[in-house]
Amino acid sequence: MDNKEIAHKFEEIAKLLELQGENPFKVNAYFNAARTIEALPEDLKHYFEENKLQTLKGIGKSIAEKIEELFRSGTIEMLETLKSETPPGLLEMLRIPGLGPKKILALYKHLHIATVKELEYACLENRLVLLDGFGQKTQEKIQHGITMLALYKDKHLLNEMYPLAHAIVQFLLKNSQLRDAAIAGSLRRYKELVKDIDIVVSTTQPAEIASYCLTCPYSTEIIEQGENICSFYAKGIRVDIKIVKTEQFASALMHFTGSKEHNVELRRIAKQRGYKINEYGIFKSEKPESVNSEEEFYAFFDMQYIPPELRENFGEVELAMEHNLPRLVSRDDVLGFLHVHSNWSDGIPSIEDMAKEAQRLGYHYIGIADHSKSAAYAGGLTEKRVAEQIKIIDELNAKLKHFTVLKGIEVDILKDGSIDLDDSILKELDFVIASVHSHFHMTEEEMTKRVLAALNNRYVDMIGHPTGRLLLGREPFKINMDAVIEETKKLGKVLELNANAHRLDIDWRNMHKFRGEDLLVSINPDAHHLDGITDMEYGIGIARKGWCQPANIINTLTAEQLLSFLKQRKK
């Protein structure tokens, strides 16, 4: 049982306690424990074996005893009791955007609603309108939330899918009969939400490989087995492994990567030239043409290689025919990142630990951007605390070698478009990110005006997570992104691509729309713990999907170049 699985159990306890109307302090204790466990850089079992559980932040005697119980017996009695006392449908109702535990508890107590379907029916009968604390608008929001829940059913975030897919590929490659194995499907194309995992493998022994696939340690339920396919569930996610001959691998990988629309366009071009293409190869007769890689597949039709992220039939085929596709940003281009949180606000690591981890991962700088004072719920910093943090970062930079920590802040954009810290402290910082964290339900006109006002503040360099969306959790607020992007370009400022898998905001479609123009983007992990830095992988994938070139990404600048850019912009 890894840290993430253990953290999930304590998060589940917190949610069940919330649904029972338990004391908020007790609920938060379990939520905080879950965060601490998930963010640990080493296995929690080490702390258990060394009897050091209570040395961890947020782990007191009671929670430590439950961790010990879990390691010794495999279960937590409190969790099992809470589950038995709580209708399972109530937990599912928590997934409805905008519906919290207090309202769910009220629905259960007063209307005896215990499932999403019962809630949907109650809304259709207008039973929530007269319920104390609800009303017509709340009922409409809940109905919309139920629609969103159905729309995104069985969809998963990239941070759930990629680690699992990579682990399965690594397991498959241990078999010497396997020649190739690669992730395909929408996951390879970096779609922000993915339904299942597609993997393509090649071998000369398909029957043996099909049997081997079934021994995958991540498999929990077999769906299908044949000589050319093996399907199973892993952690509740469907995994489809396509098994092909070695000479078919490139064509199969092309086909199963998709997208459907991209493949249709390729088939149209092939047909014009008298060929047929499918997952088995390129055909003019019964014998397929020799194609050993995707690069060779595209070259066969005189096309430039098209990276998987671009394969959405958004104009990439036409540009590939002209050999005019842009050179996309890559991990090697990215030298650092801004927008990480420390234990000065709601982050877990110290500033120094965050810096050392980033340096270990090959980056050359980070930018600390803790919350500002309006975010009291996140330990937001006052002007005095920001000044203290500036001194600490200066001292840290004096002793760090070949690494720089930039001094920043994530200020709140208030309802009127102003920000919540004085200019006197903002001017002392290297950079300022301004983000919306409240009043999400304004009209498009109001929200756009609000964000544009913040953007025009002299000291604001960047707008953080510009649409406020939480994938699978909260829809984007209404905002005219075209107007925001145009103003950002006009002012020479920056939009954030928040790489956290729950956000991936700015949306790649907005970046694609302004491709080739002078839009500046900063890919930031918004990390609150050390593991969060690895979300940069998802941000870079989304930037590539948005057709971003190195010149569009300020993270490709060195620390010295970035500081010069930020200072020059404010003159």
Protein backbone atom coordinates (compact mmCIF):
# COMPACT_ATOMS: atom_id res chain seq x y z
CA MET A 1 0.00 0.00 0.00
CA ASP A 2 1.65 3.23 -1.15
CA ASN A 3 1.34 6.73 0.36
CA LYS A 4 -1.34 7.80 -2.09
CA GLU A 5 -3.58 4.84 -1.22
CA ILE A 6 -3.12 5.46 2.51
CA ALA A 7 -3.84 9.18 2.06
CA HIS A 8 -7.04 8.28 0.20
CA LYS A 9 -8.27 6.32 3.23
CA PHE A 10 -7.80 9.30 5.56
CA GLU A 11 -9.42 11.62 3.03
CA GLU A 12 -12.36 9.21 2.91
CA ILE A 13 -12.62 9.32 6.72
CA ALA A 14 -12.71 13.14 6.54
CA LYS A 15 -15.48 13.12 3.93
CA LEU A 16 -17.55 10.59 5.86
CA LEU A 17 -17.16 12.65 9.04
CA GLU A 18 -18.31 15.73 7.12
CA LEU A 19 -21.39 13.86 5.95
CA GLN A 20 -22.19 13.00 9.56
CA GLY A 21 -21.95 16.65 10.60
CA GLU A 22 -18.81 16.14 12.68
CA ASN A 23 -16.79 18.99 14.21
CA PRO A 24 -14.94 20.88 11.39
CA PHE A 25 -11.67 20.81 13.36
CA LYS A 26 -11.78 17.02 13.52
CA VAL A 27 -12.66 16.81 9.82
CA ASN A 28 -9.77 19.12 8.88
CA ALA A 29 -7.37 17.08 10.99
CA TYR A 30 -8.01 14.06 8.76
CA PHE A 31 -7.84 16.11 5.55
CA ASN A 32 -4.52 17.61 6.69
CA ALA A 33 -3.17 14.17 7.61
CA ALA A 34 -4.10 12.91 4.13
CA ARG A 35 -2.23 15.84 2.52
CA THR A 36 0.84 15.24 4.67
CA ILE A 37 0.92 11.52 3.85
CA GLU A 38 0.47 12.03 0.11
CA ALA A 39 3.22 14.67 0.01
CA LEU A 40 5.84 12.58 1.84
CA PRO A 41 9.00 12.10 -0.24
CA GLU A 42 9.55 8.65 1.29
CA ASP A 43 7.39 5.68 2.21
CA LEU A 44 5.13 6.24 5.25
CA LYS A 45 6.01 2.71 6.38
CA HIS A 46 9.51 3.94 7.21
CA TYR A 47 8.06 6.33 9.82
CA PHE A 48 5.88 3.51 11.17
CA GLU A 49 8.83 1.12 11.51
CA GLU A 50 11.01 3.81 13.13
CA ASN A 51 8.16 4.85 15.50
CA LYS A 52 8.35 8.42 14.13
CA LEU A 53 4.80 8.94 12.87
CA GLN A 54 4.09 11.76 15.32
CA THR A 55 7.10 13.72 14.05
CA LEU A 56 5.12 14.40 10.87
CA LYS A 57 3.15 17.62 10.50
CA GLY A 58 -0.53 17.05 11.34
CA ILE A 59 -0.07 13.49 12.64
CA GLY A 60 -1.06 13.38 16.30
CA LYS A 61 -1.51 10.42 18.63
CA SER A 62 -4.99 9.46 17.44
CA ILE A 63 -4.18 9.51 13.71
CA ALA A 64 -0.81 7.81 14.33
CA GLU A 65 -2.65 4.95 16.05
CA LYS A 66 -4.90 4.53 13.00
CA ILE A 67 -1.88 4.42 10.69
CA GLU A 68 -0.35 1.75 12.92
CA GLU A 69 -3.64 -0.17 12.83
CA LEU A 70 -3.67 0.01 9.03
CA PHE A 71 -0.14 -1.36 8.70
CA ARG A 72 -0.78 -4.15 11.21
CA SER A 73 -4.26 -5.29 10.14
CA GLY A 74 -4.77 -3.84 6.66
CA THR A 75 -7.89 -1.93 7.76
CA ILE A 76 -8.98 1.01 9.91
CA GLU A 77 -11.92 0.13 12.13
CA MET A 78 -13.12 3.73 12.25
CA LEU A 79 -13.28 3.88 8.45
CA GLU A 80 -15.20 0.63 8.20
CA THR A 81 -17.67 1.80 10.87
CA LEU A 82 -18.24 5.13 9.12
CA LYS A 83 -18.84 3.32 5.83
CA SER A 84 -21.42 1.04 7.42
CA GLU A 85 -23.24 4.04 8.92
CA THR A 86 -23.29 6.12 5.70
CA PRO A 87 -25.35 5.32 2.59
CA PRO A 88 -22.77 4.87 -0.22
CA GLY A 89 -24.73 7.19 -2.51
CA LEU A 90 -23.93 10.17 -0.29
CA LEU A 91 -20.22 9.90 -1.13
CA GLU A 92 -21.08 9.87 -4.83
CA MET A 93 -23.19 13.01 -4.31
CA LEU A 94 -20.04 14.79 -3.08
CA ARG A 95 -18.76 14.55 -6.67
CA ILE A 96 -21.53 16.89 -7.86
CA PRO A 97 -19.92 20.32 -8.44
CA GLY A 98 -21.23 22.91 -5.99
CA LEU A 99 -22.86 20.42 -3.61
CA GLY A 100 -21.14 20.24 -0.23
CA PRO A 101 -21.53 17.96 2.79
CA LYS A 102 -23.90 20.26 4.71
CA LYS A 103 -26.40 20.39 1.88
CA ILE A 104 -26.11 16.64 1.25
CA LEU A 105 -26.79 16.02 4.94
CA ALA A 106 -29.85 18.30 4.79
CA LEU A 107 -31.16 16.49 1.71
CA TYR A 108 -30.73 13.14 3.43
CA LYS A 109 -32.34 14.23 6.72
CA HIS A 110 -35.28 16.17 5.33
CA LEU A 111 -36.00 14.56 1.95
CA HIS A 112 -34.43 11.11 2.54
CA ILE A 113 -32.35 11.49 -0.65
CA ALA A 114 -29.50 8.99 -0.63
CA THR A 115 -28.43 8.66 -4.29
CA VAL A 116 -27.68 10.91 -7.27
CA LYS A 117 -30.67 9.48 -9.15
CA GLU A 118 -33.02 10.28 -6.25
CA LEU A 119 -31.61 13.82 -6.16
CA GLU A 120 -32.10 14.23 -9.91
CA TYR A 121 -35.73 13.13 -9.61
CA ALA A 122 -36.30 15.46 -6.64
CA CYS A 123 -35.02 18.39 -8.75
CA LEU A 124 -37.41 17.46 -11.56
CA GLU A 125 -40.25 17.60 -9.03
CA ASN A 126 -39.01 20.97 -7.67
CA ARG A 127 -38.74 19.50 -4.18
CA LEU A 128 -35.61 21.52 -3.34
CA VAL A 129 -37.16 24.92 -4.00
CA LEU A 130 -38.92 25.22 -0.65
CA LEU A 131 -36.28 23.41 1.40
CA ASP A 132 -34.60 25.69 3.94
CA GLY A 133 -31.17 26.81 2.68
CA PHE A 134 -31.84 25.84 -0.95
CA GLY A 135 -34.25 27.61 -3.32
CA GLN A 136 -34.69 27.85 -7.10
CA LYS A 137 -31.16 28.97 -7.96
CA THR A 138 -29.53 26.30 -5.81
CA GLN A 139 -31.74 23.64 -7.37
CA GLU A 140 -30.74 24.80 -10.85
CA LYS A 141 -27.04 24.70 -9.91
CA ILE A 142 -27.46 21.17 -8.54
CA GLN A 143 -29.23 20.07 -11.74
CA HIS A 144 -26.38 21.52 -13.78
CA GLY A 145 -23.89 19.74 -11.51
CA ILE A 146 -25.65 16.40 -12.04
CA THR A 147 -25.47 16.96 -15.81
CA MET A 148 -21.73 17.66 -15.53
CA LEU A 149 -21.22 14.56 -13.38
CA ALA A 150 -22.88 12.40 -16.05
CA LEU A 151 -20.91 14.10 -18.82
CA TYR A 152 -17.58 13.34 -17.16
CA LYS A 153 -18.44 9.88 -15.87
CA ASP A 154 -15.53 7.43 -16.21
CA LYS A 155 -13.14 10.25 -17.15
CA HIS A 156 -9.81 10.50 -15.37
CA LEU A 157 -7.09 13.10 -14.83
CA LEU A 158 -3.65 12.78 -16.40
CA ASN A 159 -1.97 12.32 -13.02
CA GLU A 160 -4.06 9.19 -12.47
CA MET A 161 -3.49 7.79 -15.94
CA TYR A 162 0.12 8.47 -16.87
CA PRO A 163 1.85 6.88 -13.85
CA LEU A 164 -0.34 3.78 -14.15
CA ALA A 165 0.16 3.51 -17.92
CA HIS A 166 3.95 3.90 -17.57
CA ALA A 167 4.04 1.25 -14.84
CA ILE A 168 2.11 -1.20 -17.03
CA VAL A 169 4.43 -0.55 -20.01
CA GLN A 170 7.46 -1.15 -17.80
CA PHE A 171 5.97 -4.46 -16.65
CA LEU A 172 5.29 -5.52 -20.24
CA LEU A 173 8.83 -4.69 -21.37
CA LYS A 174 10.23 -7.17 -18.84
CA ASN A 175 9.11 -9.95 -21.19
CA SER A 176 11.93 -10.76 -23.62
CA GLN A 177 9.42 -11.83 -26.30
CA LEU A 178 8.22 -8.24 -26.55
CA ARG A 179 9.85 -6.02 -29.17
CA ASP A 180 8.06 -2.70 -28.59
CA ALA A 181 5.49 -1.26 -26.17
CA ALA A 182 4.05 2.27 -26.21
CA ILE A 183 1.16 4.26 -24.80
CA ALA A 184 -1.39 5.25 -27.44
CA GLY A 185 -4.87 6.83 -27.50
CA SER A 186 -5.95 10.17 -26.09
CA LEU A 187 -3.46 9.75 -23.23
CA ARG A 188 -0.57 9.92 -25.68
CA ARG A 189 -2.19 12.97 -27.30
CA TYR A 190 -2.36 14.68 -23.89
CA LYS A 191 -6.10 15.21 -23.77
CA GLU A 192 -6.80 16.75 -20.37
CA LEU A 193 -9.38 14.07 -19.49
CA VAL A 194 -8.97 10.45 -20.49
CA LYS A 195 -11.41 7.54 -20.34
CA ASP A 196 -9.10 4.52 -20.64
CA ILE A 197 -5.53 3.43 -21.28
CA ASP A 198 -4.50 2.17 -24.73
CA ILE A 199 -1.17 0.38 -25.17
CA VAL A 200 0.27 -1.10 -28.37
CA VAL A 201 2.86 -3.89 -28.23
CA SER A 202 4.68 -5.87 -30.91
CA THR A 203 5.97 -9.43 -30.78
CA THR A 204 6.56 -12.59 -32.79
CA GLN A 205 4.77 -14.59 -30.07
CA PRO A 206 1.28 -13.03 -29.68
CA ALA A 207 -0.33 -15.91 -27.77
CA GLU A 208 2.47 -15.94 -25.19
CA ILE A 209 2.31 -12.16 -24.77
CA ALA A 210 -1.49 -12.24 -24.41
CA SER A 211 -1.13 -14.71 -21.53
CA TYR A 212 1.67 -12.63 -20.00
CA CYS A 213 -0.49 -9.50 -20.07
CA LEU A 214 -3.00 -11.22 -17.80
CA THR A 215 -0.32 -11.60 -15.11
CA CYS A 216 0.05 -7.81 -14.81
CA PRO A 217 0.14 -7.01 -11.07
CA TYR A 218 -2.09 -3.95 -11.63
CA SER A 219 -4.90 -6.03 -13.14
CA THR A 220 -7.94 -6.48 -10.88
CA GLU A 221 -10.48 -7.88 -13.36
CA ILE A 222 -10.07 -9.50 -16.79
CA ILE A 223 -12.37 -8.10 -19.48
CA GLU A 224 -11.18 -9.81 -22.67
CA GLN A 225 -8.35 -12.01 -23.91
CA GLY A 226 -7.47 -12.98 -27.46
CA GLU A 227 -4.39 -13.45 -29.60
CA ASN A 228 -4.43 -9.78 -30.61
CA ILE A 229 -5.88 -8.10 -27.53
CA CYS A 230 -5.83 -8.22 -23.77
CA SER A 231 -8.16 -6.01 -21.72
CA PHE A 232 -8.47 -5.66 -17.95
CA TYR A 233 -9.34 -3.18 -15.23
CA ALA A 234 -6.53 -1.64 -13.20
CA LYS A 235 -7.50 0.61 -10.27
CA GLY A 236 -10.97 0.90 -11.82
CA ILE A 237 -9.56 2.05 -15.19
CA ARG A 238 -9.97 0.03 -18.38
CA VAL A 239 -6.68 -0.98 -20.02
CA ASP A 240 -6.65 -2.23 -23.63
CA ILE A 241 -3.42 -3.79 -24.90
CA LYS A 242 -3.29 -4.30 -28.68
CA ILE A 243 -0.86 -7.03 -29.76
CA VAL A 244 0.57 -6.78 -33.29
CA LYS A 245 3.42 -8.16 -35.39
CA THR A 246 6.70 -6.29 -35.31
CA GLU A 247 6.30 -4.98 -38.86
CA GLN A 248 2.81 -3.65 -37.99
CA PHE A 249 3.84 -1.70 -34.89
CA ALA A 250 4.29 1.78 -36.45
CA SER A 251 0.95 1.62 -38.30
CA ALA A 252 -0.86 0.26 -35.24
CA LEU A 253 0.62 2.95 -33.00
CA MET A 254 -0.47 5.61 -35.52
CA HIS A 255 -3.98 4.17 -35.76
CA PHE A 256 -4.61 3.69 -32.05
CA THR A 257 -3.09 7.06 -31.10
CA GLY A 258 -5.72 8.81 -33.22
CA SER A 259 -7.52 11.06 -33.12
CA LYS A 260 -10.34 9.65 -35.22
CA GLU A 261 -10.57 12.95 -37.12
CA HIS A 262 -6.82 12.97 -37.79
CA ASN A 263 -6.94 9.38 -39.07
CA VAL A 264 -9.86 10.17 -41.37
CA GLU A 265 -7.87 13.01 -42.94
CA LEU A 266 -4.84 10.75 -43.42
CA ARG A 267 -7.01 8.09 -45.07
CA ARG A 268 -8.40 10.74 -47.44
CA ILE A 269 -4.88 11.74 -48.51
CA ALA A 270 -3.83 8.09 -48.90
CA LYS A 271 -6.89 7.35 -51.01
CA GLN A 272 -6.11 10.29 -53.32
CA ARG A 273 -2.74 8.64 -53.99
CA GLY A 274 -4.20 5.19 -54.57
CA TYR A 275 -3.37 3.71 -51.14
CA LYS A 276 -5.34 2.32 -48.24
CA ILE A 277 -4.16 2.70 -44.63
CA ASN A 278 -5.26 0.98 -41.42
CA GLU A 279 -3.75 -0.41 -38.23
CA TYR A 280 -1.94 -3.11 -40.23
CA GLY A 281 -0.05 -0.82 -42.61
CA ILE A 282 -0.08 1.06 -45.91
CA PHE A 283 -1.48 -0.96 -48.82
CA LYS A 284 -1.62 -0.62 -52.58
CA SER A 285 -1.98 -4.36 -53.03
CA GLU A 286 -2.22 -7.24 -50.58
CA LYS A 287 1.37 -6.75 -49.45
CA PRO A 288 1.91 -3.77 -47.11
CA GLU A 289 4.56 -1.14 -47.79
CA SER A 290 7.62 -1.24 -45.53
CA VAL A 291 7.17 1.29 -42.70
CA ASN A 292 9.30 0.96 -39.57
CA SER A 293 8.38 4.10 -37.65
CA GLU A 294 5.79 6.85 -37.48
CA GLU A 295 8.31 9.20 -39.07
CA GLU A 296 8.54 6.84 -42.04
CA PHE A 297 4.74 6.58 -42.15
CA TYR A 298 4.34 10.35 -42.60
CA ALA A 299 7.35 10.56 -44.93
CA PHE A 300 5.75 7.95 -47.20
CA PHE A 301 3.14 10.58 -48.01
CA ASP A 302 5.74 13.40 -48.24
CA MET A 303 4.65 14.81 -44.91
CA GLN A 304 6.54 16.24 -41.96
CA TYR A 305 6.30 14.14 -38.79
CA ILE A 306 3.30 15.24 -36.72
CA PRO A 307 3.79 15.01 -32.92
CA PRO A 308 1.00 13.04 -31.18
CA GLU A 309 -0.20 16.11 -29.24
CA LEU A 310 -1.18 17.87 -32.48
CA ARG A 311 -3.17 15.03 -34.03
CA GLU A 312 -6.66 16.54 -33.67
CA ASN A 313 -7.25 17.64 -37.30
CA PHE A 314 -6.83 21.27 -36.30
CA GLY A 315 -4.78 22.14 -39.38
CA GLU A 316 -1.73 20.03 -38.58
CA VAL A 317 -2.09 17.79 -41.66
CA GLU A 318 -2.09 20.72 -44.10
CA LEU A 319 1.00 22.26 -42.46
CA ALA A 320 2.76 18.88 -42.41
CA MET A 321 2.14 18.61 -46.17
CA GLU A 322 3.88 22.00 -46.52
CA HIS A 323 6.64 20.95 -44.07
CA ASN A 324 5.73 24.01 -42.03
CA LEU A 325 4.82 22.66 -38.59
CA PRO A 326 6.32 24.65 -35.68
CA ARG A 327 9.05 23.28 -33.46
CA LEU A 328 7.15 22.63 -30.24
CA VAL A 329 8.47 23.38 -26.77
CA SER A 330 9.99 20.35 -25.03
CA ARG A 331 11.12 19.41 -21.54
CA ASP A 332 14.73 20.17 -22.50
CA ASP A 333 13.75 23.76 -23.28
CA VAL A 334 12.23 24.42 -19.86
CA LEU A 335 14.82 25.71 -17.39
CA GLY A 336 12.63 26.49 -14.38
CA PHE A 337 9.16 27.51 -13.25
CA LEU A 338 7.25 30.00 -11.14
CA HIS A 339 4.23 29.54 -8.84
CA VAL A 340 5.08 27.05 -6.13
CA HIS A 341 3.87 27.25 -2.54
CA SER A 342 5.84 26.69 0.63
CA ASN A 343 5.05 26.10 4.30
CA TRP A 344 4.79 29.87 4.66
CA SER A 345 1.21 29.51 3.40
CA ASP A 346 -0.54 26.25 2.47
CA GLY A 347 2.42 24.32 1.05
CA ILE A 348 4.08 21.41 2.83
CA PRO A 349 7.82 21.84 2.05
CA SER A 350 10.11 24.62 3.14
CA ILE A 351 11.39 27.02 0.49
CA GLU A 352 14.81 25.37 0.67
CA ASP A 353 13.41 21.86 0.28
CA MET A 354 11.37 22.96 -2.73
CA ALA A 355 14.48 24.51 -4.30
CA LYS A 356 16.63 21.44 -3.68
CA GLU A 357 14.03 19.10 -5.17
CA ALA A 358 13.68 21.26 -8.29
CA GLN A 359 17.46 21.31 -8.67
CA ARG A 360 17.60 17.52 -8.25
CA LEU A 361 15.08 17.21 -11.10
CA GLY A 362 17.31 19.27 -13.39
CA TYR A 363 15.74 22.74 -13.12
CA HIS A 364 17.77 25.91 -12.59
CA TYR A 365 15.29 28.16 -10.78
CA ILE A 366 11.89 28.31 -9.11
CA GLY A 367 9.59 31.16 -8.15
CA ILE A 368 7.96 31.11 -4.71
CA ALA A 369 4.39 32.43 -4.93
CA ASP A 370 2.64 31.86 -1.63
CA HIS A 371 -0.91 33.11 -1.09
CA SER A 372 -1.63 36.69 -0.03
CA LYS A 373 -3.61 37.89 2.96
CA SER A 374 -7.15 37.55 1.52
CA ALA A 375 -6.58 33.79 1.37
CA ALA A 376 -6.74 33.47 5.15
CA TYR A 377 -7.95 29.87 4.70
CA ALA A 378 -4.54 29.11 3.13
CA GLY A 379 -2.39 31.03 5.61
CA GLY A 380 -2.06 33.96 3.21
CA LEU A 381 0.79 36.39 3.85
CA THR A 382 0.41 39.98 5.04
CA GLU A 383 2.77 42.68 3.79
CA LYS A 384 4.89 42.15 6.91
CA ARG A 385 5.18 38.42 6.29
CA VAL A 386 6.07 38.97 2.63
CA ALA A 387 8.91 41.29 3.71
CA GLU A 388 10.16 38.60 6.10
CA GLN A 389 10.01 35.98 3.34
CA ILE A 390 11.99 38.21 0.98
CA LYS A 391 14.86 38.29 3.50
CA ILE A 392 14.75 34.52 3.93
CA ILE A 393 14.91 33.96 0.15
CA ASP A 394 17.82 36.42 -0.19
CA GLU A 395 19.71 34.47 2.48
CA LEU A 396 18.92 31.18 0.75
CA ASN A 397 20.10 32.47 -2.62
CA ALA A 398 23.40 33.50 -1.04
CA LYS A 399 24.19 29.90 -0.15
CA LEU A 400 22.65 28.03 -3.11
CA LYS A 401 25.01 27.07 -5.93
CA HIS A 402 23.93 27.22 -9.59
CA PHE A 403 20.31 27.73 -8.59
CA THR A 404 18.05 30.76 -8.05
CA VAL A 405 14.86 31.27 -6.06
CA LEU A 406 12.76 34.13 -7.42
CA LYS A 407 10.69 36.16 -4.96
CA GLY A 408 7.00 36.28 -5.84
CA ILE A 409 3.45 36.20 -4.52
CA GLU A 410 0.07 34.94 -5.69
CA VAL A 411 -2.27 37.82 -4.90
CA ASP A 412 -6.05 37.57 -4.92
CA ILE A 413 -7.99 39.48 -7.55
CA LEU A 414 -10.77 41.03 -5.47
CA LYS A 415 -14.33 41.43 -6.74
CA ASP A 416 -13.70 44.95 -8.05
CA GLY A 417 -10.48 43.96 -9.86
CA SER A 418 -8.13 45.39 -7.27
CA ILE A 419 -5.54 43.22 -5.56
CA ASP A 420 -5.03 42.63 -1.88
CA LEU A 421 -1.46 43.80 -1.18
CA ASP A 422 0.03 47.29 -1.16
CA ASP A 423 2.22 48.48 -4.03
CA SER A 424 4.95 49.25 -1.49
CA ILE A 425 5.61 45.53 -0.98
CA LEU A 426 4.78 44.39 -4.52
CA LYS A 427 7.57 46.52 -5.98
CA GLU A 428 10.09 44.61 -3.83
CA LEU A 429 9.21 41.30 -5.50
CA ASP A 430 10.60 39.75 -8.67
CA PHE A 431 7.14 38.79 -9.95
CA VAL A 432 3.45 38.93 -9.05
CA ILE A 433 0.80 36.41 -10.09
CA ALA A 434 -2.82 37.58 -9.77
CA SER A 435 -5.56 34.94 -9.50
CA VAL A 436 -9.31 34.70 -8.93
CA HIS A 437 -10.11 32.62 -5.84
CA SER A 438 -13.62 33.85 -5.00
CA HIS A 439 -16.87 35.21 -6.49
CA PHE A 440 -16.88 32.72 -9.36
CA HIS A 441 -20.48 33.35 -10.41
CA MET A 442 -20.16 36.82 -11.92
CA THR A 443 -21.42 37.54 -15.43
CA GLU A 444 -18.96 37.22 -18.31
CA GLU A 445 -18.80 40.99 -18.65
CA GLU A 446 -18.18 41.50 -14.91
CA MET A 447 -15.52 38.77 -14.67
CA THR A 448 -13.72 39.96 -17.78
CA LYS A 449 -13.67 43.55 -16.50
CA ARG A 450 -12.41 42.31 -13.13
CA VAL A 451 -9.49 40.33 -14.60
CA LEU A 452 -8.56 43.07 -17.07
CA ALA A 453 -8.41 45.57 -14.20
CA ALA A 454 -5.94 43.33 -12.35
CA LEU A 455 -3.96 42.77 -15.53
CA ASN A 456 -3.52 46.54 -15.86
CA ASN A 457 -2.03 46.84 -12.38
CA ARG A 458 1.56 47.97 -12.88
CA TYR A 459 2.99 45.27 -10.62
CA VAL A 460 1.00 42.29 -11.89
CA ASP A 461 3.07 40.18 -14.29
CA MET A 462 0.83 37.19 -14.80
CA ILE A 463 -2.76 35.96 -14.49
CA GLY A 464 -2.89 32.62 -12.67
CA HIS A 465 -5.19 29.73 -13.75
CA PRO A 466 -7.15 32.17 -15.96
CA THR A 467 -10.55 30.40 -16.11
CA GLY A 468 -10.63 29.01 -12.57
CA ARG A 469 -11.66 25.55 -13.70
CA LEU A 470 -11.12 22.37 -11.69
CA LEU A 471 -11.33 19.42 -14.04
CA LEU A 472 -14.06 17.00 -12.92
CA GLY A 473 -14.86 19.41 -10.11
CA ARG A 474 -15.75 22.92 -11.25
CA GLU A 475 -16.64 24.41 -14.61
CA PRO A 476 -14.66 27.46 -15.82
CA PHE A 477 -16.17 30.75 -14.73
CA LYS A 478 -17.63 32.91 -17.48
CA ILE A 479 -14.91 35.09 -18.99
CA ASN A 480 -14.02 36.45 -22.43
CA MET A 481 -10.64 34.78 -22.88
CA ASP A 482 -10.11 36.38 -26.29
CA ALA A 483 -10.25 39.81 -24.64
CA VAL A 484 -7.94 38.68 -21.81
CA ILE A 485 -5.40 37.23 -24.25
CA GLU A 486 -5.44 40.33 -26.44
CA GLU A 487 -4.89 42.60 -23.41
CA THR A 488 -2.12 40.33 -22.12
CA LYS A 489 -0.33 40.56 -25.48
CA LYS A 490 -0.86 44.32 -25.68
CA LEU A 491 0.69 44.84 -22.23
CA GLY A 492 3.52 42.37 -22.84
CA LYS A 493 2.41 40.34 -19.82
CA VAL A 494 2.00 36.60 -19.25
CA LEU A 495 -0.76 34.03 -18.89
CA GLU A 496 -0.20 31.01 -16.71
CA LEU A 497 -0.56 27.47 -17.94
CA ASN A 498 -1.23 25.90 -14.56
CA ALA A 499 0.23 22.40 -14.88
CA ASN A 500 -1.64 20.92 -11.94
CA ALA A 501 -3.59 18.00 -13.45
CA HIS A 502 -6.79 19.28 -11.80
CA ARG A 503 -6.48 22.58 -13.69
CA LEU A 504 -4.38 22.52 -16.91
CA ASP A 505 -5.56 26.08 -17.31
CA ILE A 506 -5.16 28.01 -19.70
CA ASP A 507 -7.01 25.59 -21.99
CA TRP A 508 -4.90 24.31 -24.89
CA ARG A 509 -7.64 25.35 -27.34
CA ASN A 510 -7.13 28.99 -26.38
CA MET A 511 -3.40 28.70 -26.98
CA HIS A 512 -3.98 26.97 -30.32
CA LYS A 513 -6.29 29.80 -31.39
CA PHE A 514 -3.47 32.34 -30.93
CA ARG A 515 -0.66 30.06 -32.16
CA GLY A 516 2.23 31.72 -33.93
CA GLU A 517 1.47 35.05 -32.27
CA ASP A 518 3.38 36.79 -29.49
CA LEU A 519 1.37 35.27 -26.64
CA LEU A 520 3.59 34.68 -23.59
CA VAL A 521 2.85 31.72 -21.32
CA SER A 522 4.43 30.46 -18.10
CA ILE A 523 4.09 26.74 -17.38
CA ASN A 524 3.81 26.45 -13.60
CA PRO A 525 3.19 23.41 -11.38
CA ASP A 526 1.35 25.32 -8.62
CA ALA A 527 3.05 22.74 -6.40
CA HIS A 528 2.08 22.54 -2.73
CA HIS A 529 4.33 19.54 -2.05
CA LEU A 530 7.50 18.13 -3.61
CA ASP A 531 5.69 15.58 -5.79
CA GLY A 532 3.72 18.43 -7.34
CA ILE A 533 6.79 19.52 -9.30
CA THR A 534 6.39 16.50 -11.57
CA ASP A 535 3.10 18.02 -12.81
CA MET A 536 5.33 20.07 -15.10
CA GLU A 537 5.26 17.06 -17.44
CA TYR A 538 1.51 17.53 -17.93
CA GLY A 539 1.86 21.27 -18.41
CA ILE A 540 4.52 20.82 -21.10
CA GLY A 541 2.29 18.26 -22.83
CA ILE A 542 -0.64 20.70 -22.82
CA ALA A 543 1.61 23.52 -24.08
CA ARG A 544 2.67 21.31 -26.97
CA LYS A 545 -0.97 20.48 -27.64
CA GLY A 546 -1.62 24.22 -27.80
CA TRP A 547 1.12 24.52 -30.47
CA CYS A 548 3.42 26.50 -28.15
CA GLN A 549 6.96 27.11 -29.37
CA PRO A 550 9.92 27.83 -27.05
CA ALA A 551 9.56 31.56 -27.80
CA ASN A 552 6.04 31.51 -26.32
CA ILE A 553 7.20 30.03 -22.99
CA ILE A 554 9.00 32.32 -20.54
CA ASN A 555 10.29 29.27 -18.63
CA THR A 556 12.74 28.72 -21.50
CA LEU A 557 14.62 31.83 -20.37
CA THR A 558 17.51 31.53 -17.94
CA ALA A 559 16.96 33.01 -14.47
CA GLU A 560 19.01 36.06 -15.46
CA GLN A 561 17.05 36.55 -18.69
CA LEU A 562 13.74 36.09 -16.89
CA LEU A 563 14.61 38.62 -14.17
CA SER A 564 15.72 41.07 -16.87
CA PHE A 565 12.43 40.56 -18.76
CA LEU A 566 10.38 41.14 -15.59
CA LYS A 567 12.31 44.29 -14.65
CA GLN A 568 12.25 45.72 -18.16
CA ARG A 569 8.49 45.24 -18.43
CA LYS A 570 7.87 47.38 -15.33
CA LYS A 571 9.88 50.38 -16.54
